[in-house]
Amino acid sequence: MKKKRDQIELTEKEEELIRAIRNYRMSFPNGHPQMLYYIQQLVDELTDLP
């Protein structure tokens, strides 16, 4: 039985975060620390309250 997936719209920053997380493992060992820092920055921006 297939489950129906709901479509949700993402902001540009949310898409960027998803791409960064997907690429995180591929960056090891060379870009690993920089990629982790970048992901943390994106999460901070997305969770910053007004």
N, C-alpha and C. Protein backbone atom coordinates (compact mmCIF):
# COMPACT_ATOMS: atom_id res chain seq x y z
N MET A 1 0.84 -1.18 0.00
CA MET A 1 0.00 0.00 0.00
C MET A 1 0.88 1.25 0.00
N LYS A 2 0.67 2.14 -0.94
CA LYS A 2 1.43 3.38 -1.03
C LYS A 2 0.82 4.43 -0.14
N LYS A 3 1.68 5.17 0.52
CA LYS A 3 1.22 6.28 1.34
C LYS A 3 1.25 7.56 0.51
N LYS A 4 0.23 8.36 0.64
CA LYS A 4 0.19 9.63 -0.06
C LYS A 4 1.07 10.63 0.69
N ARG A 5 1.93 11.27 -0.04
CA ARG A 5 2.79 12.29 0.57
C ARG A 5 2.21 13.65 0.28
N ASP A 6 2.13 14.45 1.30
CA ASP A 6 1.66 15.82 1.14
C ASP A 6 2.80 16.68 0.60
N GLN A 7 2.46 17.56 -0.30
CA GLN A 7 3.44 18.49 -0.84
C GLN A 7 3.52 19.71 0.07
N ILE A 8 4.73 20.10 0.43
CA ILE A 8 4.89 21.32 1.20
C ILE A 8 5.84 22.23 0.44
N GLU A 9 5.64 23.51 0.60
CA GLU A 9 6.52 24.48 -0.04
C GLU A 9 7.61 24.87 0.94
N LEU A 10 8.83 24.93 0.42
CA LEU A 10 9.98 25.29 1.23
C LEU A 10 10.49 26.66 0.83
N THR A 11 11.04 27.35 1.81
CA THR A 11 11.70 28.61 1.51
C THR A 11 13.06 28.28 0.90
N GLU A 12 13.70 29.28 0.36
CA GLU A 12 15.02 29.09 -0.23
C GLU A 12 16.02 28.61 0.82
N LYS A 13 15.95 29.17 2.02
CA LYS A 13 16.86 28.78 3.10
C LYS A 13 16.63 27.33 3.53
N GLU A 14 15.38 26.89 3.56
CA GLU A 14 15.07 25.52 3.93
C GLU A 14 15.63 24.54 2.90
N GLU A 15 15.48 24.87 1.63
CA GLU A 15 16.05 24.03 0.57
C GLU A 15 17.56 23.97 0.68
N GLU A 16 18.16 25.12 0.97
CA GLU A 16 19.61 25.20 1.11
C GLU A 16 20.08 24.32 2.27
N LEU A 17 19.35 24.33 3.37
CA LEU A 17 19.69 23.50 4.53
C LEU A 17 19.61 22.02 4.18
N ILE A 18 18.57 21.62 3.49
CA ILE A 18 18.41 20.22 3.10
C ILE A 18 19.55 19.78 2.20
N ARG A 19 19.91 20.62 1.24
CA ARG A 19 21.03 20.28 0.35
C ARG A 19 22.34 20.16 1.13
N ALA A 20 22.55 21.08 2.06
CA ALA A 20 23.78 21.07 2.86
C ALA A 20 23.87 19.80 3.71
N ILE A 21 22.75 19.40 4.31
CA ILE A 21 22.75 18.19 5.13
C ILE A 21 23.03 16.97 4.26
N ARG A 22 22.44 16.93 3.07
CA ARG A 22 22.68 15.79 2.17
C ARG A 22 24.13 15.72 1.72
N ASN A 23 24.78 16.86 1.57
CA ASN A 23 26.17 16.88 1.11
C ASN A 23 27.18 16.76 2.25
N TYR A 24 26.71 16.82 3.47
CA TYR A 24 27.59 16.81 4.64
C TYR A 24 28.50 15.58 4.67
N ARG A 25 27.94 14.41 4.51
CA ARG A 25 28.74 13.18 4.59
C ARG A 25 29.74 13.09 3.44
N MET A 26 29.36 13.60 2.27
CA MET A 26 30.27 13.53 1.12
C MET A 26 31.47 14.46 1.29
N SER A 27 31.37 15.45 2.17
CA SER A 27 32.45 16.41 2.35
C SER A 27 33.55 15.89 3.26
N PHE A 28 33.34 14.78 3.94
CA PHE A 28 34.33 14.23 4.85
C PHE A 28 35.52 13.68 4.08
N PRO A 29 36.75 13.87 4.46
CA PRO A 29 37.25 14.65 5.58
C PRO A 29 37.61 16.08 5.22
N ASN A 30 37.70 16.40 3.94
CA ASN A 30 38.22 17.71 3.53
C ASN A 30 37.34 18.88 3.93
N GLY A 31 36.07 18.86 3.57
CA GLY A 31 35.20 20.00 3.85
C GLY A 31 34.36 19.83 5.08
N HIS A 32 34.57 18.75 5.79
CA HIS A 32 33.74 18.37 6.93
C HIS A 32 33.53 19.50 7.95
N PRO A 33 34.57 20.11 8.52
CA PRO A 33 34.34 21.14 9.55
C PRO A 33 33.61 22.36 9.00
N GLN A 34 33.96 22.79 7.80
CA GLN A 34 33.32 23.96 7.22
C GLN A 34 31.85 23.69 6.92
N MET A 35 31.54 22.51 6.45
CA MET A 35 30.16 22.16 6.11
C MET A 35 29.31 22.11 7.37
N LEU A 36 29.84 21.55 8.45
CA LEU A 36 29.10 21.49 9.71
C LEU A 36 28.82 22.90 10.23
N TYR A 37 29.80 23.76 10.14
CA TYR A 37 29.62 25.15 10.58
C TYR A 37 28.55 25.84 9.74
N TYR A 38 28.56 25.61 8.45
CA TYR A 38 27.58 26.20 7.54
C TYR A 38 26.16 25.72 7.88
N ILE A 39 26.02 24.43 8.15
CA ILE A 39 24.72 23.87 8.52
C ILE A 39 24.23 24.51 9.82
N GLN A 40 25.12 24.66 10.78
CA GLN A 40 24.74 25.27 12.06
C GLN A 40 24.29 26.73 11.86
N GLN A 41 24.97 27.44 10.96
CA GLN A 41 24.57 28.82 10.66
C GLN A 41 23.16 28.87 10.08
N LEU A 42 22.88 27.99 9.13
CA LEU A 42 21.56 27.95 8.52
C LEU A 42 20.47 27.63 9.55
N VAL A 43 20.72 26.68 10.43
CA VAL A 43 19.75 26.34 11.47
C VAL A 43 19.52 27.55 12.38
N ASP A 44 20.59 28.24 12.75
CA ASP A 44 20.45 29.43 13.59
C ASP A 44 19.60 30.49 12.90
N GLU A 45 19.81 30.71 11.61
CA GLU A 45 19.03 31.70 10.87
C GLU A 45 17.56 31.30 10.80
N LEU A 46 17.30 30.02 10.57
CA LEU A 46 15.93 29.57 10.44
C LEU A 46 15.16 29.55 11.76
N THR A 47 15.87 29.43 12.86
CA THR A 47 15.21 29.36 14.15
C THR A 47 15.27 30.66 14.93
N ASP A 48 15.84 31.69 14.33
CA ASP A 48 15.94 33.00 14.98
C ASP A 48 14.54 33.62 15.07
N LEU A 49 14.13 33.92 16.27
CA LEU A 49 12.81 34.51 16.47
C LEU A 49 12.88 36.03 16.33
N PRO A 50 11.83 36.64 15.80
CA PRO A 50 11.83 38.11 15.62
C PRO A 50 11.84 38.85 16.93
